[in-house]
Amino acid sequence: GKKYENPKIIRKYEKKLIKLQRQLAHKEKRSQNYYKTKKKIAICHEKITNTRKDYLHKMSHEIISENQVIVSEECKYMSSYF
């Protein structure tokens, strides 16, 4: 019954990513500044990925530590694939 919201910090990185991508569009291709900006974009993508992974890990850890029994049902559609 508990709902989990997306972390707010991701929005900060997404705004930064949008700004960097806009800057990259105005750079001359294969220039030093172009590659510097591409590297910044890659780092920003990595930060977003790591933030999401960290949040999911914390959320799953919280769910596991709160509950004593966790039951998983078999889906009738998925059983035909295995």
PDB file of N, CA and C in Angstrom:
ATOM      1  N   GLY A   1       0.798  -1.197   0.000  1.00  0.00           N
ATOM      2  CA  GLY A   1       0.000   0.000   0.000  1.00  0.00           C
ATOM      3  C   GLY A   1       0.849   1.273   0.000  1.00  0.00           C
ATOM      4  N   LYS A   2       2.164   1.122   0.088  1.00  0.00           N
ATOM      5  CA  LYS A   2       3.027   2.302   0.133  1.00  0.00           C
ATOM      6  C   LYS A   2       3.482   2.656  -1.277  1.00  0.00           C
ATOM      7  N   LYS A   3       3.398   3.945  -1.625  1.00  0.00           N
ATOM      8  CA  LYS A   3       3.826   4.398  -2.942  1.00  0.00           C
ATOM      9  C   LYS A   3       5.187   5.066  -2.829  1.00  0.00           C
ATOM     10  N   TYR A   4       6.024   4.811  -3.820  1.00  0.00           N
ATOM     11  CA  TYR A   4       7.361   5.394  -3.854  1.00  0.00           C
ATOM     12  C   TYR A   4       7.438   6.397  -4.997  1.00  0.00           C
ATOM     13  N   GLU A   5       7.877   7.601  -4.674  1.00  0.00           N
ATOM     14  CA  GLU A   5       8.020   8.665  -5.677  1.00  0.00           C
ATOM     15  C   GLU A   5       9.409   8.586  -6.303  1.00  0.00           C
ATOM     16  N   ASN A   6       9.544   9.120  -7.504  1.00  0.00           N
ATOM     17  CA  ASN A   6      10.856   9.224  -8.121  1.00  0.00           C
ATOM     18  C   ASN A   6      11.671  10.274  -7.375  1.00  0.00           C
ATOM     19  N   PRO A   7      12.967  10.029  -7.203  1.00  0.00           N
ATOM     20  CA  PRO A   7      13.782  11.008  -6.479  1.00  0.00           C
ATOM     21  C   PRO A   7      13.864  12.337  -7.230  1.00  0.00           C
ATOM     22  N   LYS A   8      13.799  13.418  -6.485  1.00  0.00           N
ATOM     23  CA  LYS A   8      13.787  14.766  -7.067  1.00  0.00           C
ATOM     24  C   LYS A   8      15.141  15.129  -7.672  1.00  0.00           C
ATOM     25  N   ILE A   9      16.218  14.519  -7.172  1.00  0.00           N
ATOM     26  CA  ILE A   9      17.567  14.871  -7.633  1.00  0.00           C
ATOM     27  C   ILE A   9      17.741  14.547  -9.111  1.00  0.00           C
ATOM     28  N   ILE A  10      16.981  13.569  -9.626  1.00  0.00           N
ATOM     29  CA  ILE A  10      17.095  13.202 -11.036  1.00  0.00           C
ATOM     30  C   ILE A  10      16.688  14.368 -11.926  1.00  0.00           C
ATOM     31  N   ARG A  11      15.690  15.132 -11.513  1.00  0.00           N
ATOM     32  CA  ARG A  11      15.245  16.286 -12.307  1.00  0.00           C
ATOM     33  C   ARG A  11      16.366  17.301 -12.490  1.00  0.00           C
ATOM     34  N   LYS A  12      17.177  17.466 -11.428  1.00  0.00           N
ATOM     35  CA  LYS A  12      18.308  18.399 -11.487  1.00  0.00           C
ATOM     36  C   LYS A  12      19.294  17.959 -12.571  1.00  0.00           C
ATOM     37  N   TYR A  13      19.610  16.663 -12.582  1.00  0.00           N
ATOM     38  CA  TYR A  13      20.544  16.145 -13.583  1.00  0.00           C
ATOM     39  C   TYR A  13      19.941  16.168 -14.983  1.00  0.00           C
ATOM     40  N   GLU A  14      18.631  15.939 -15.082  1.00  0.00           N
ATOM     41  CA  GLU A  14      17.981  15.981 -16.394  1.00  0.00           C
ATOM     42  C   GLU A  14      18.015  17.392 -16.983  1.00  0.00           C
ATOM     43  N   LYS A  15      17.820  18.403 -16.142  1.00  0.00           N
ATOM     44  CA  LYS A  15      17.906  19.790 -16.615  1.00  0.00           C
ATOM     45  C   LYS A  15      19.323  20.116 -17.083  1.00  0.00           C
ATOM     46  N   LYS A  16      20.305  19.634 -16.327  1.00  0.00           N
ATOM     47  CA  LYS A  16      21.700  19.849 -16.704  1.00  0.00           C
ATOM     48  C   LYS A  16      22.004  19.147 -18.029  1.00  0.00           C
ATOM     49  N   LEU A  17      21.446  17.952 -18.202  1.00  0.00           N
ATOM     50  CA  LEU A  17      21.650  17.191 -19.431  1.00  0.00           C
ATOM     51  C   LEU A  17      21.069  17.921 -20.637  1.00  0.00           C
ATOM     52  N   ILE A  18      19.890  18.477 -20.479  1.00  0.00           N
ATOM     53  CA  ILE A  18      19.249  19.236 -21.560  1.00  0.00           C
ATOM     54  C   ILE A  18      20.125  20.422 -21.956  1.00  0.00           C
ATOM     55  N   LYS A  19      20.648  21.124 -20.953  1.00  0.00           N
ATOM     56  CA  LYS A  19      21.501  22.285 -21.213  1.00  0.00           C
ATOM     57  C   LYS A  19      22.771  21.876 -21.954  1.00  0.00           C
ATOM     58  N   LEU A  20      23.390  20.774 -21.522  1.00  0.00           N
ATOM     59  CA  LEU A  20      24.614  20.308 -22.161  1.00  0.00           C
ATOM     60  C   LEU A  20      24.369  19.857 -23.595  1.00  0.00           C
ATOM     61  N   GLN A  21      23.247  19.187 -23.828  1.00  0.00           N
ATOM     62  CA  GLN A  21      22.929  18.737 -25.181  1.00  0.00           C
ATOM     63  C   GLN A  21      22.686  19.922 -26.108  1.00  0.00           C
ATOM     64  N   ARG A  22      22.077  20.974 -25.581  1.00  0.00           N
ATOM     65  CA  ARG A  22      21.863  22.187 -26.367  1.00  0.00           C
ATOM     66  C   ARG A  22      23.201  22.836 -26.716  1.00  0.00           C
ATOM     67  N   GLN A  23      24.112  22.845 -25.738  1.00  0.00           N
ATOM     68  CA  GLN A  23      25.443  23.411 -25.989  1.00  0.00           C
ATOM     69  C   GLN A  23      26.189  22.603 -27.042  1.00  0.00           C
ATOM     70  N   LEU A  24      26.050  21.273 -26.983  1.00  0.00           N
ATOM     71  CA  LEU A  24      26.733  20.402 -27.936  1.00  0.00           C
ATOM     72  C   LEU A  24      26.252  20.646 -29.359  1.00  0.00           C
ATOM     73  N   ALA A  25      24.985  20.949 -29.515  1.00  0.00           N
ATOM     74  CA  ALA A  25      24.419  21.173 -30.846  1.00  0.00           C
ATOM     75  C   ALA A  25      25.054  22.378 -31.536  1.00  0.00           C
ATOM     76  N   HIS A  26      25.571  23.307 -30.757  1.00  0.00           N
ATOM     77  CA  HIS A  26      26.162  24.523 -31.330  1.00  0.00           C
ATOM     78  C   HIS A  26      27.679  24.433 -31.507  1.00  0.00           C
ATOM     79  N   LYS A  27      28.265  23.318 -31.069  1.00  0.00           N
ATOM     80  CA  LYS A  27      29.718  23.164 -31.199  1.00  0.00           C
ATOM     81  C   LYS A  27      30.054  22.653 -32.596  1.00  0.00           C
ATOM     82  N   GLU A  28      31.252  22.986 -33.031  1.00  0.00           N
ATOM     83  CA  GLU A  28      31.736  22.470 -34.303  1.00  0.00           C
ATOM     84  C   GLU A  28      32.165  21.021 -34.089  1.00  0.00           C
ATOM     85  N   LYS A  29      31.686  20.125 -34.940  1.00  0.00           N
ATOM     86  CA  LYS A  29      31.967  18.697 -34.767  1.00  0.00           C
ATOM     87  C   LYS A  29      33.460  18.412 -34.858  1.00  0.00           C
ATOM     88  N   ARG A  30      33.887  17.435 -34.054  1.00  0.00           N
ATOM     89  CA  ARG A  30      35.262  16.970 -33.959  1.00  0.00           C
ATOM     90  C   ARG A  30      36.242  18.037 -33.458  1.00  0.00           C
ATOM     91  N   SER A  31      35.740  19.028 -32.739  1.00  0.00           N
ATOM     92  CA  SER A  31      36.621  20.013 -32.118  1.00  0.00           C
ATOM     93  C   SER A  31      36.855  19.603 -30.659  1.00  0.00           C
ATOM     94  N   GLN A  32      37.843  20.215 -30.026  1.00  0.00           N
ATOM     95  CA  GLN A  32      38.155  19.881 -28.638  1.00  0.00           C
ATOM     96  C   GLN A  32      36.981  20.194 -27.710  1.00  0.00           C
ATOM     97  N   ASN A  33      36.346  21.353 -27.928  1.00  0.00           N
ATOM     98  CA  ASN A  33      35.214  21.724 -27.083  1.00  0.00           C
ATOM     99  C   ASN A  33      34.018  20.787 -27.292  1.00  0.00           C
ATOM    100  N   TYR A  34      33.880  20.260 -28.493  1.00  0.00           N
ATOM    101  CA  TYR A  34      32.828  19.295 -28.800  1.00  0.00           C
ATOM    102  C   TYR A  34      33.041  18.031 -27.962  1.00  0.00           C
ATOM    103  N   TYR A  35      34.274  17.539 -27.940  1.00  0.00           N
ATOM    104  CA  TYR A  35      34.570  16.324 -27.192  1.00  0.00           C
ATOM    105  C   TYR A  35      34.477  16.541 -25.684  1.00  0.00           C
ATOM    106  N   LYS A  36      34.851  17.729 -25.222  1.00  0.00           N
ATOM    107  CA  LYS A  36      34.720  18.051 -23.793  1.00  0.00           C
ATOM    108  C   LYS A  36      33.254  18.014 -23.377  1.00  0.00           C
ATOM    109  N   THR A  37      32.398  18.601 -24.202  1.00  0.00           N
ATOM    110  CA  THR A  37      30.964  18.635 -23.898  1.00  0.00           C
ATOM    111  C   THR A  37      30.362  17.234 -23.964  1.00  0.00           C
ATOM    112  N   LYS A  38      30.820  16.423 -24.939  1.00  0.00           N
ATOM    113  CA  LYS A  38      30.340  15.042 -25.033  1.00  0.00           C
ATOM    114  C   LYS A  38      30.699  14.261 -23.778  1.00  0.00           C
ATOM    115  N   LYS A  39      31.894  14.507 -23.247  1.00  0.00           N
ATOM    116  CA  LYS A  39      32.328  13.827 -22.030  1.00  0.00           C
ATOM    117  C   LYS A  39      31.451  14.254 -20.844  1.00  0.00           C
ATOM    118  N   LYS A  40      31.135  15.539 -20.762  1.00  0.00           N
ATOM    119  CA  LYS A  40      30.255  16.031 -19.697  1.00  0.00           C
ATOM    120  C   LYS A  40      28.877  15.390 -19.788  1.00  0.00           C
ATOM    121  N   ILE A  41      28.373  15.214 -21.017  1.00  0.00           N
ATOM    122  CA  ILE A  41      27.070  14.575 -21.230  1.00  0.00           C
ATOM    123  C   ILE A  41      27.119  13.125 -20.770  1.00  0.00           C
ATOM    124  N   ALA A  42      28.209  12.416 -21.088  1.00  0.00           N
ATOM    125  CA  ALA A  42      28.355  11.025 -20.670  1.00  0.00           C
ATOM    126  C   ALA A  42      28.380  10.911 -19.147  1.00  0.00           C
ATOM    127  N   ILE A  43      29.067  11.836 -18.495  1.00  0.00           N
ATOM    128  CA  ILE A  43      29.131  11.836 -17.031  1.00  0.00           C
ATOM    129  C   ILE A  43      27.751  12.097 -16.444  1.00  0.00           C
ATOM    130  N   CYS A  44      27.001  13.001 -17.068  1.00  0.00           N
ATOM    131  CA  CYS A  44      25.655  13.325 -16.596  1.00  0.00           C
ATOM    132  C   CYS A  44      24.730  12.109 -16.740  1.00  0.00           C
ATOM    133  N   HIS A  45      24.829  11.408 -17.876  1.00  0.00           N
ATOM    134  CA  HIS A  45      24.049  10.182 -18.067  1.00  0.00           C
ATOM    135  C   HIS A  45      24.397   9.144 -17.004  1.00  0.00           C
ATOM    136  N   GLU A  46      25.684   9.045 -16.701  1.00  0.00           N
ATOM    137  CA  GLU A  46      26.137   8.080 -15.701  1.00  0.00           C
ATOM    138  C   GLU A  46      25.601   8.431 -14.313  1.00  0.00           C
ATOM    139  N   LYS A  47      25.579   9.725 -13.990  1.00  0.00           N
ATOM    140  CA  LYS A  47      25.056  10.160 -12.697  1.00  0.00           C
ATOM    141  C   LYS A  47      23.573   9.828 -12.571  1.00  0.00           C
ATOM    142  N   ILE A  48      22.812  10.047 -13.645  1.00  0.00           N
ATOM    143  CA  ILE A  48      21.381   9.727 -13.631  1.00  0.00           C
ATOM    144  C   ILE A  48      21.186   8.230 -13.420  1.00  0.00           C
ATOM    145  N   THR A  49      21.966   7.416 -14.144  1.00  0.00           N
ATOM    146  CA  THR A  49      21.875   5.960 -14.020  1.00  0.00           C
ATOM    147  C   THR A  49      22.214   5.514 -12.604  1.00  0.00           C
ATOM    148  N   ASN A  50      23.309   6.032 -12.060  1.00  0.00           N
ATOM    149  CA  ASN A  50      23.730   5.640 -10.717  1.00  0.00           C
ATOM    150  C   ASN A  50      22.730   6.082  -9.661  1.00  0.00           C
ATOM    151  N   THR A  51      22.139   7.259  -9.834  1.00  0.00           N
ATOM    152  CA  THR A  51      21.139   7.756  -8.885  1.00  0.00           C
ATOM    153  C   THR A  51      19.914   6.854  -8.890  1.00  0.00           C
ATOM    154  N   ARG A  52      19.459   6.462 -10.092  1.00  0.00           N
ATOM    155  CA  ARG A  52      18.301   5.565 -10.197  1.00  0.00           C
ATOM    156  C   ARG A  52      18.601   4.204  -9.573  1.00  0.00           C
ATOM    157  N   LYS A  53      19.779   3.644  -9.874  1.00  0.00           N
ATOM    158  CA  LYS A  53      20.162   2.343  -9.313  1.00  0.00           C
ATOM    159  C   LYS A  53      20.225   2.398  -7.796  1.00  0.00           C
ATOM    160  N   ASP A  54      20.815   3.466  -7.261  1.00  0.00           N
ATOM    161  CA  ASP A  54      20.934   3.630  -5.815  1.00  0.00           C
ATOM    162  C   ASP A  54      19.563   3.710  -5.167  1.00  0.00           C
ATOM    163  N   TYR A  55      18.655   4.483  -5.769  1.00  0.00           N
ATOM    164  CA  TYR A  55      17.311   4.631  -5.218  1.00  0.00           C
ATOM    165  C   TYR A  55      16.561   3.301  -5.245  1.00  0.00           C
ATOM    166  N   LEU A  56      16.664   2.571  -6.363  1.00  0.00           N
ATOM    167  CA  LEU A  56      15.993   1.269  -6.461  1.00  0.00           C
ATOM    168  C   LEU A  56      16.554   0.291  -5.443  1.00  0.00           C
ATOM    169  N   HIS A  57      17.873   0.333  -5.225  1.00  0.00           N
ATOM    170  CA  HIS A  57      18.491  -0.547  -4.242  1.00  0.00           C
ATOM    171  C   HIS A  57      17.993  -0.228  -2.834  1.00  0.00           C
ATOM    172  N   LYS A  58      17.932   1.055  -2.513  1.00  0.00           N
ATOM    173  CA  LYS A  58      17.453   1.463  -1.183  1.00  0.00           C
ATOM    174  C   LYS A  58      15.986   1.091  -0.987  1.00  0.00           C
ATOM    175  N   MET A  59      15.189   1.292  -2.045  1.00  0.00           N
ATOM    176  CA  MET A  59      13.766   0.975  -1.966  1.00  0.00           C
ATOM    177  C   MET A  59      13.560  -0.526  -1.794  1.00  0.00           C
ATOM    178  N   SER A  60      14.254  -1.348  -2.575  1.00  0.00           N
ATOM    179  CA  SER A  60      14.101  -2.798  -2.464  1.00  0.00           C
ATOM    180  C   SER A  60      14.604  -3.298  -1.108  1.00  0.00           C
ATOM    181  N   HIS A  61      15.688  -2.704  -0.608  1.00  0.00           N
ATOM    182  CA  HIS A  61      16.195  -3.079   0.714  1.00  0.00           C
ATOM    183  C   HIS A  61      15.167  -2.761   1.802  1.00  0.00           C
ATOM    184  N   GLU A  62      14.521  -1.605   1.680  1.00  0.00           N
ATOM    185  CA  GLU A  62      13.494  -1.211   2.653  1.00  0.00           C
ATOM    186  C   GLU A  62      12.313  -2.190   2.612  1.00  0.00           C
ATOM    187  N   ILE A  63      11.881  -2.573   1.420  1.00  0.00           N
ATOM    188  CA  ILE A  63      10.755  -3.504   1.281  1.00  0.00           C
ATOM    189  C   ILE A  63      11.115  -4.856   1.893  1.00  0.00           C
ATOM    190  N   ILE A  64      12.325  -5.325   1.622  1.00  0.00           N
ATOM    191  CA  ILE A  64      12.750  -6.629   2.137  1.00  0.00           C
ATOM    192  C   ILE A  64      12.889  -6.613   3.653  1.00  0.00           C
ATOM    193  N   SER A  65      13.441  -5.543   4.206  1.00  0.00           N
ATOM    194  CA  SER A  65      13.657  -5.491   5.652  1.00  0.00           C
ATOM    195  C   SER A  65      12.359  -5.289   6.431  1.00  0.00           C
ATOM    196  N   GLU A  66      11.350  -4.672   5.822  1.00  0.00           N
ATOM    197  CA  GLU A  66      10.075  -4.459   6.514  1.00  0.00           C
ATOM    198  C   GLU A  66       9.223  -5.721   6.549  1.00  0.00           C
ATOM    199  N   ASN A  67       9.272  -6.532   5.503  1.00  0.00           N
ATOM    200  CA  ASN A  67       8.385  -7.674   5.377  1.00  0.00           C
ATOM    201  C   ASN A  67       9.119  -8.977   5.680  1.00  0.00           C
ATOM    202  N   GLN A  68       8.373  -9.908   6.332  1.00  0.00           N
ATOM    203  CA  GLN A  68       8.961 -11.195   6.659  1.00  0.00           C
ATOM    204  C   GLN A  68       8.793 -12.193   5.520  1.00  0.00           C
ATOM    205  N   VAL A  69       7.661 -12.112   4.814  1.00  0.00           N
ATOM    206  CA  VAL A  69       7.389 -13.051   3.724  1.00  0.00           C
ATOM    207  C   VAL A  69       7.053 -12.258   2.468  1.00  0.00           C
ATOM    208  N   ILE A  70       7.701 -12.621   1.362  1.00  0.00           N
ATOM    209  CA  ILE A  70       7.399 -12.019   0.070  1.00  0.00           C
ATOM    210  C   ILE A  70       7.047 -13.148  -0.881  1.00  0.00           C
ATOM    211  N   VAL A  71       5.854 -13.064  -1.498  1.00  0.00           N
ATOM    212  CA  VAL A  71       5.371 -14.125  -2.372  1.00  0.00           C
ATOM    213  C   VAL A  71       5.326 -13.607  -3.798  1.00  0.00           C
ATOM    214  N   SER A  72       5.780 -14.437  -4.723  1.00  0.00           N
ATOM    215  CA  SER A  72       5.734 -14.087  -6.135  1.00  0.00           C
ATOM    216  C   SER A  72       4.843 -15.088  -6.852  1.00  0.00           C
ATOM    217  N   GLU A  73       3.879 -14.572  -7.618  1.00  0.00           N
ATOM    218  CA  GLU A  73       2.968 -15.444  -8.342  1.00  0.00           C
ATOM    219  C   GLU A  73       3.512 -15.689  -9.742  1.00  0.00           C
ATOM    220  N   GLU A  74       3.154 -16.858 -10.305  1.00  0.00           N
ATOM    221  CA  GLU A  74       3.557 -17.183 -11.661  1.00  0.00           C
ATOM    222  C   GLU A  74       2.511 -16.652 -12.621  1.00  0.00           C
ATOM    223  N   CYS A  75       2.976 -15.973 -13.661  1.00  0.00           N
ATOM    224  CA  CYS A  75       2.085 -15.430 -14.671  1.00  0.00           C
ATOM    225  C   CYS A  75       1.831 -16.521 -15.710  1.00  0.00           C
ATOM    226  N   LYS A  76       0.569 -16.732 -16.082  1.00  0.00           N
ATOM    227  CA  LYS A  76       0.259 -17.819 -17.010  1.00  0.00           C
ATOM    228  C   LYS A  76       0.815 -17.564 -18.402  1.00  0.00           C
ATOM    229  N   TYR A  77       1.018 -16.293 -18.761  1.00  0.00           N
ATOM    230  CA  TYR A  77       1.550 -15.971 -20.081  1.00  0.00           C
ATOM    231  C   TYR A  77       3.055 -16.213 -20.126  1.00  0.00           C
ATOM    232  N   MET A  78       3.742 -15.943 -19.058  1.00  0.00           N
ATOM    233  CA  MET A  78       5.190 -16.075 -19.034  1.00  0.00           C
ATOM    234  C   MET A  78       5.620 -17.528 -18.936  1.00  0.00           C
ATOM    235  N   SER A  79       4.775 -18.424 -18.382  1.00  0.00           N
ATOM    236  CA  SER A  79       5.180 -19.807 -18.191  1.00  0.00           C
ATOM    237  C   SER A  79       5.402 -20.515 -19.522  1.00  0.00           C
ATOM    238  N   SER A  80       4.758 -20.084 -20.590  1.00  0.00           N
ATOM    239  CA  SER A  80       4.925 -20.737 -21.890  1.00  0.00           C
ATOM    240  C   SER A  80       6.297 -20.431 -22.503  1.00  0.00           C
ATOM    241  N   TYR A  81       6.968 -19.384 -22.042  1.00  0.00           N
ATOM    242  CA  TYR A  81       8.271 -19.026 -22.579  1.00  0.00           C
ATOM    243  C   TYR A  81       9.395 -19.836 -21.953  1.00  0.00           C
ATOM    244  N   PHE A  82       9.163 -20.382 -20.765  1.00  0.00           N
ATOM    245  CA  PHE A  82      10.238 -21.081 -20.042  1.00  0.00           C
ATOM    246  C   PHE A  82      10.118 -22.561 -20.142  1.00  0.00           C
TER     247      PHE A  82
END
